[in-house]
Amino acid sequence: MPFGRRRNRIDRSLRERGVPPEPQQRIRDVEETTGPWDEADAPDDGLARIDLGAIRLPALPGMDLRVELNQQQKVIAATLRHGGSLLQVAAFAAPRAAGIWDDVRVELARTASGQGASLREVEGPFGIELSGTVVSAPPARPGQPAQPPVRRPARFLGVDGPRWFLRGLLSGSAAAGAEAEARALETAFRGIVVVRGSEPMPVREPLPLALPPQAAAQLAAQQAAAQGQQPPTGGSAGGAA
């Protein structure tokens, strides 16, 4: 059985209680998953995970976590690095009885085509994924002119869960044929636990991420030191996860 294919637990639960599905939503019957996981189905596998709020990332050997913060010091992106490869992950709110990956794939492929790149649907370890190239600008370097956009290999992974959608973007060597790095990052993606929460949210709104307490305390200490202040009491300034 392919990894990652998810039976629609919400739809099944509604049917068992005699509640018809919402008529405006497309219902899919998908096989049971072996990961990524919903919080309610998280396995007792003893694997340490980094708590980023809506996403719990497995802490696997040889991988580094990088988070991006906005000006308000809120986490807006999480990326795992393994060798020459990156896995960027994001979770979004989804309807209670249908998936959105089918529509998201179409939009991603259309956007890539409009930018001069190309993505095609292929069968992957998590079901249908997008594989090909995307166009992006290299990171700006201080004191140097902006670099022109470059084409790079990419794979988009998608998993529909109960009221959430998890997207992964593989880039670098893992998207260009490096099987060992690809398998390692696929394992990390498979081990993710999504914490959707019960609050209503608009469809496709990003689920909120947050720094782990230890990393948040370290950041607060660094900011206080930069401002010549004492760090707040009660927090640890140990290394970030």
Protein backbone atom coordinates (compact mmCIF):
# COMPACT_ATOMS: atom_id res chain seq x y z
CA MET A 1 0.00 0.00 0.00
CA PRO A 2 1.48 3.37 -0.96
CA PHE A 3 2.65 5.53 1.92
CA GLY A 4 0.72 8.56 2.95
CA ARG A 5 -2.65 7.95 1.36
CA ARG A 6 -5.32 8.93 3.80
CA ARG A 7 -8.81 7.59 4.31
CA ASN A 8 -11.14 10.51 4.88
CA ARG A 9 -11.73 9.94 8.62
CA ILE A 10 -14.02 12.93 8.95
CA ASP A 11 -16.28 11.78 6.11
CA ARG A 12 -16.45 8.27 7.55
CA SER A 13 -17.29 9.58 11.02
CA LEU A 14 -20.07 11.74 9.61
CA ARG A 15 -21.57 8.79 7.73
CA GLU A 16 -21.50 6.64 10.87
CA ARG A 17 -23.51 9.31 12.71
CA GLY A 18 -25.96 9.62 9.83
CA VAL A 19 -24.82 13.13 8.89
CA PRO A 20 -24.62 13.70 5.11
CA PRO A 21 -21.47 15.35 3.75
CA GLU A 22 -21.52 18.97 2.72
CA PRO A 23 -22.95 19.01 -0.83
CA GLN A 24 -20.66 21.70 -2.22
CA GLN A 25 -17.49 19.73 -1.43
CA ARG A 26 -15.94 16.98 -3.51
CA ILE A 27 -15.57 13.80 -1.44
CA ARG A 28 -12.65 11.44 -1.98
CA ASP A 29 -12.19 7.97 -0.57
CA VAL A 30 -8.49 7.58 0.16
CA GLU A 31 -6.55 4.72 1.74
CA GLU A 32 -5.45 4.86 5.35
CA THR A 33 -2.24 6.71 5.99
CA THR A 34 1.10 5.63 7.45
CA GLY A 35 2.08 9.28 7.91
CA PRO A 36 2.01 12.25 8.03
CA TRP A 37 -0.27 12.10 11.04
CA ASP A 38 -3.11 13.98 12.60
CA GLU A 39 -2.64 14.73 16.29
CA ALA A 40 -5.49 12.33 17.12
CA ASP A 41 -3.69 9.47 15.30
CA ALA A 42 -0.09 10.27 16.24
CA PRO A 43 1.87 7.02 16.71
CA ASP A 44 3.56 6.10 19.96
CA ASP A 45 6.86 5.54 18.16
CA GLY A 46 9.20 7.14 20.69
CA LEU A 47 10.46 9.56 18.04
CA ALA A 48 11.47 12.98 19.36
CA ARG A 49 9.66 15.79 17.56
CA ILE A 50 10.24 19.54 17.47
CA ASP A 51 7.07 21.35 18.50
CA LEU A 52 6.38 24.25 16.14
CA GLY A 53 2.76 24.67 17.14
CA ALA A 54 0.65 23.39 14.27
CA ILE A 55 3.49 21.16 13.04
CA ARG A 56 5.61 18.72 15.01
CA LEU A 57 8.72 17.86 13.02
CA PRO A 58 10.66 14.65 13.70
CA ALA A 59 14.17 15.28 14.99
CA LEU A 60 16.22 12.96 12.80
CA PRO A 61 20.02 12.55 12.72
CA GLY A 62 21.90 14.61 10.16
CA MET A 63 19.13 17.19 9.70
CA ASP A 64 19.10 20.87 10.61
CA LEU A 65 15.99 22.94 11.18
CA ARG A 66 15.75 26.52 9.95
CA VAL A 67 12.79 28.75 10.73
CA GLU A 68 12.03 32.11 9.16
CA LEU A 69 10.56 34.92 11.25
CA ASN A 70 8.67 38.02 10.20
CA GLN A 71 9.18 41.45 11.75
CA GLN A 72 6.85 40.53 14.59
CA GLN A 73 9.10 37.52 15.38
CA LYS A 74 6.39 35.09 14.28
CA VAL A 75 7.41 31.88 12.52
CA ILE A 76 6.31 31.96 8.89
CA ALA A 77 8.25 29.00 7.45
CA ALA A 78 10.06 25.85 8.58
CA THR A 79 12.72 24.09 6.53
CA LEU A 80 14.73 20.92 7.14
CA ARG A 81 18.19 20.67 5.56
CA HIS A 82 19.87 17.35 4.85
CA GLY A 83 23.10 17.43 2.88
CA GLY A 84 22.46 19.43 -0.27
CA SER A 85 18.69 19.17 -0.02
CA LEU A 86 15.89 21.15 1.60
CA LEU A 87 12.37 20.25 2.71
CA GLN A 88 10.10 23.22 3.36
CA VAL A 89 6.83 22.36 5.08
CA ALA A 90 3.61 24.28 5.66
CA ALA A 91 0.15 23.32 6.92
CA PHE A 92 -3.15 24.93 5.97
CA ALA A 93 -6.79 24.78 7.05
CA ALA A 94 -9.01 22.62 4.84
CA PRO A 95 -12.72 21.71 4.64
CA ARG A 96 -13.98 19.15 7.11
CA ALA A 97 -15.03 16.58 4.50
CA ALA A 98 -12.87 17.07 1.41
CA GLY A 99 -9.28 17.53 0.32
CA ILE A 100 -7.73 20.49 -1.51
CA TRP A 101 -4.55 18.90 -2.93
CA ASP A 102 -6.16 18.28 -6.34
CA ASP A 103 -6.89 22.00 -6.75
CA VAL A 104 -3.58 23.12 -5.26
CA ARG A 105 -1.65 20.93 -7.73
CA VAL A 106 -3.38 22.55 -10.68
CA GLU A 107 -2.59 26.03 -9.37
CA LEU A 108 1.05 25.23 -8.64
CA ALA A 109 1.57 23.75 -12.10
CA ARG A 110 -0.11 26.75 -13.74
CA THR A 111 2.03 29.20 -11.75
CA ALA A 112 5.23 27.36 -12.63
CA SER A 113 4.31 27.37 -16.31
CA GLY A 114 3.57 31.10 -16.23
CA GLN A 115 7.04 31.73 -14.79
CA GLY A 116 8.78 29.74 -17.50
CA ALA A 117 9.26 26.53 -15.49
CA SER A 118 7.39 23.24 -15.60
CA LEU A 119 5.80 20.80 -13.16
CA ARG A 120 4.13 17.52 -14.05
CA GLU A 121 2.08 15.03 -12.05
CA VAL A 122 3.85 11.81 -11.11
CA GLU A 123 3.13 8.99 -8.67
CA GLY A 124 5.25 9.31 -5.53
CA PRO A 125 5.47 7.81 -2.05
CA PHE A 126 2.60 10.01 -0.83
CA GLY A 127 0.36 9.58 -3.86
CA ILE A 128 0.29 12.05 -6.73
CA GLU A 129 2.93 14.76 -6.49
CA LEU A 130 4.36 17.45 -8.75
CA SER A 131 7.88 17.08 -10.10
CA GLY A 132 9.92 19.29 -12.39
CA THR A 133 11.41 22.75 -12.07
CA VAL A 134 10.53 26.10 -10.52
CA VAL A 135 12.02 29.55 -11.08
CA SER A 136 13.21 31.58 -8.09
CA ALA A 137 15.59 34.41 -7.32
CA PRO A 138 18.79 33.54 -5.39
CA PRO A 139 19.06 35.06 -1.89
CA ALA A 140 20.24 38.66 -1.91
CA ARG A 141 23.78 39.28 -0.64
CA PRO A 142 24.70 42.50 1.15
CA GLY A 143 26.53 44.93 -1.09
CA GLN A 144 25.93 42.94 -4.26
CA PRO A 145 23.41 43.45 -7.05
CA ALA A 146 20.37 41.23 -7.22
CA GLN A 147 20.93 37.99 -9.09
CA PRO A 148 18.68 36.96 -11.99
CA PRO A 149 16.12 34.20 -11.34
CA VAL A 150 17.33 30.63 -11.79
CA ARG A 151 15.58 27.40 -12.63
CA ARG A 152 15.93 24.65 -10.03
CA PRO A 153 14.56 21.12 -9.60
CA ALA A 154 11.64 20.74 -7.22
CA ARG A 155 9.08 18.27 -5.95
CA PHE A 156 5.81 19.29 -4.32
CA LEU A 157 4.30 16.77 -1.89
CA GLY A 158 0.75 17.08 -0.60
CA VAL A 159 -1.33 15.22 1.98
CA ASP A 160 -4.97 15.93 2.84
CA GLY A 161 -5.87 15.33 6.48
CA PRO A 162 -8.94 15.94 8.66
CA ARG A 163 -9.51 19.69 8.28
CA TRP A 164 -5.89 20.30 7.29
CA PHE A 165 -3.60 20.10 4.29
CA LEU A 166 0.15 19.54 4.57
CA ARG A 167 2.45 20.66 1.76
CA GLY A 168 6.12 19.85 1.37
CA LEU A 169 8.59 21.34 -1.11
CA LEU A 170 11.69 19.28 -1.82
CA SER A 171 14.51 21.13 -3.57
CA GLY A 172 18.19 20.66 -4.21
CA SER A 173 19.77 17.25 -4.66
CA ALA A 174 16.71 15.38 -3.36
CA ALA A 175 14.68 16.71 -6.30
CA ALA A 176 17.43 16.00 -8.81
CA GLY A 177 17.94 12.28 -8.33
CA ALA A 178 19.86 11.97 -5.05
CA GLU A 179 17.94 8.98 -3.74
CA ALA A 180 19.51 8.77 -0.27
CA GLU A 181 18.75 12.43 0.55
CA ALA A 182 15.27 12.14 -0.95
CA ARG A 183 14.45 9.07 1.17
CA ALA A 184 15.72 10.76 4.33
CA LEU A 185 13.57 13.86 3.82
CA GLU A 186 10.57 11.76 2.76
CA THR A 187 10.94 9.90 6.07
CA ALA A 188 10.94 13.22 7.89
CA PHE A 189 7.82 14.35 6.02
CA ARG A 190 6.10 11.05 6.82
CA GLY A 191 6.83 11.51 10.52
CA ILE A 192 5.21 14.96 10.80
CA VAL A 193 2.28 15.35 13.19
CA VAL A 194 -0.21 18.12 12.37
CA VAL A 195 -2.05 19.84 15.21
CA ARG A 196 -5.08 21.42 13.57
CA GLY A 197 -6.92 22.68 16.65
CA SER A 198 -10.69 23.05 16.91
CA GLU A 199 -11.11 26.72 16.04
CA PRO A 200 -12.80 27.57 12.71
CA MET A 201 -10.44 28.94 10.07
CA PRO A 202 -10.85 29.99 6.42
CA VAL A 203 -9.89 27.28 3.96
CA ARG A 204 -6.21 27.54 2.92
CA GLU A 205 -5.27 29.85 5.77
CA PRO A 206 -1.84 28.81 7.12
CA LEU A 207 -1.97 27.05 10.47
CA PRO A 208 -0.04 29.07 13.06
CA LEU A 209 3.58 28.12 13.77
CA ALA A 210 5.64 29.04 16.81
CA LEU A 211 9.19 28.65 18.07
CA PRO A 212 9.87 25.88 20.61
CA PRO A 213 10.09 27.35 24.15
CA GLN A 214 13.85 26.87 24.37
CA ALA A 215 14.47 28.56 21.02
CA ALA A 216 12.05 31.37 21.88
CA ALA A 217 13.91 31.96 25.15
CA GLN A 218 17.22 32.02 23.30
CA LEU A 219 15.88 34.55 20.80
CA ALA A 220 14.55 36.74 23.61
CA ALA A 221 17.94 36.64 25.33
CA GLN A 222 19.74 37.58 22.13
CA GLN A 223 17.39 40.50 21.52
CA ALA A 224 17.78 41.71 25.10
CA ALA A 225 21.57 41.50 24.84
CA ALA A 226 21.50 43.45 21.58
CA GLN A 227 19.47 46.17 23.31
CA GLY A 228 21.71 46.18 26.40
CA GLN A 229 18.97 44.75 28.60
CA GLN A 230 18.76 41.82 30.94
CA PRO A 231 16.96 38.75 29.51
CA PRO A 232 13.55 37.99 31.02
CA THR A 233 13.57 35.61 33.98
CA GLY A 234 12.12 32.12 33.84
CA GLY A 235 13.43 31.22 30.38
CA SER A 236 16.35 29.18 29.19
CA ALA A 237 18.84 30.56 26.71
CA GLY A 238 20.01 27.15 25.58
CA GLY A 239 20.60 26.13 21.99
CA ALA A 240 17.74 26.10 19.54
CA ALA A 241 16.33 22.78 18.38
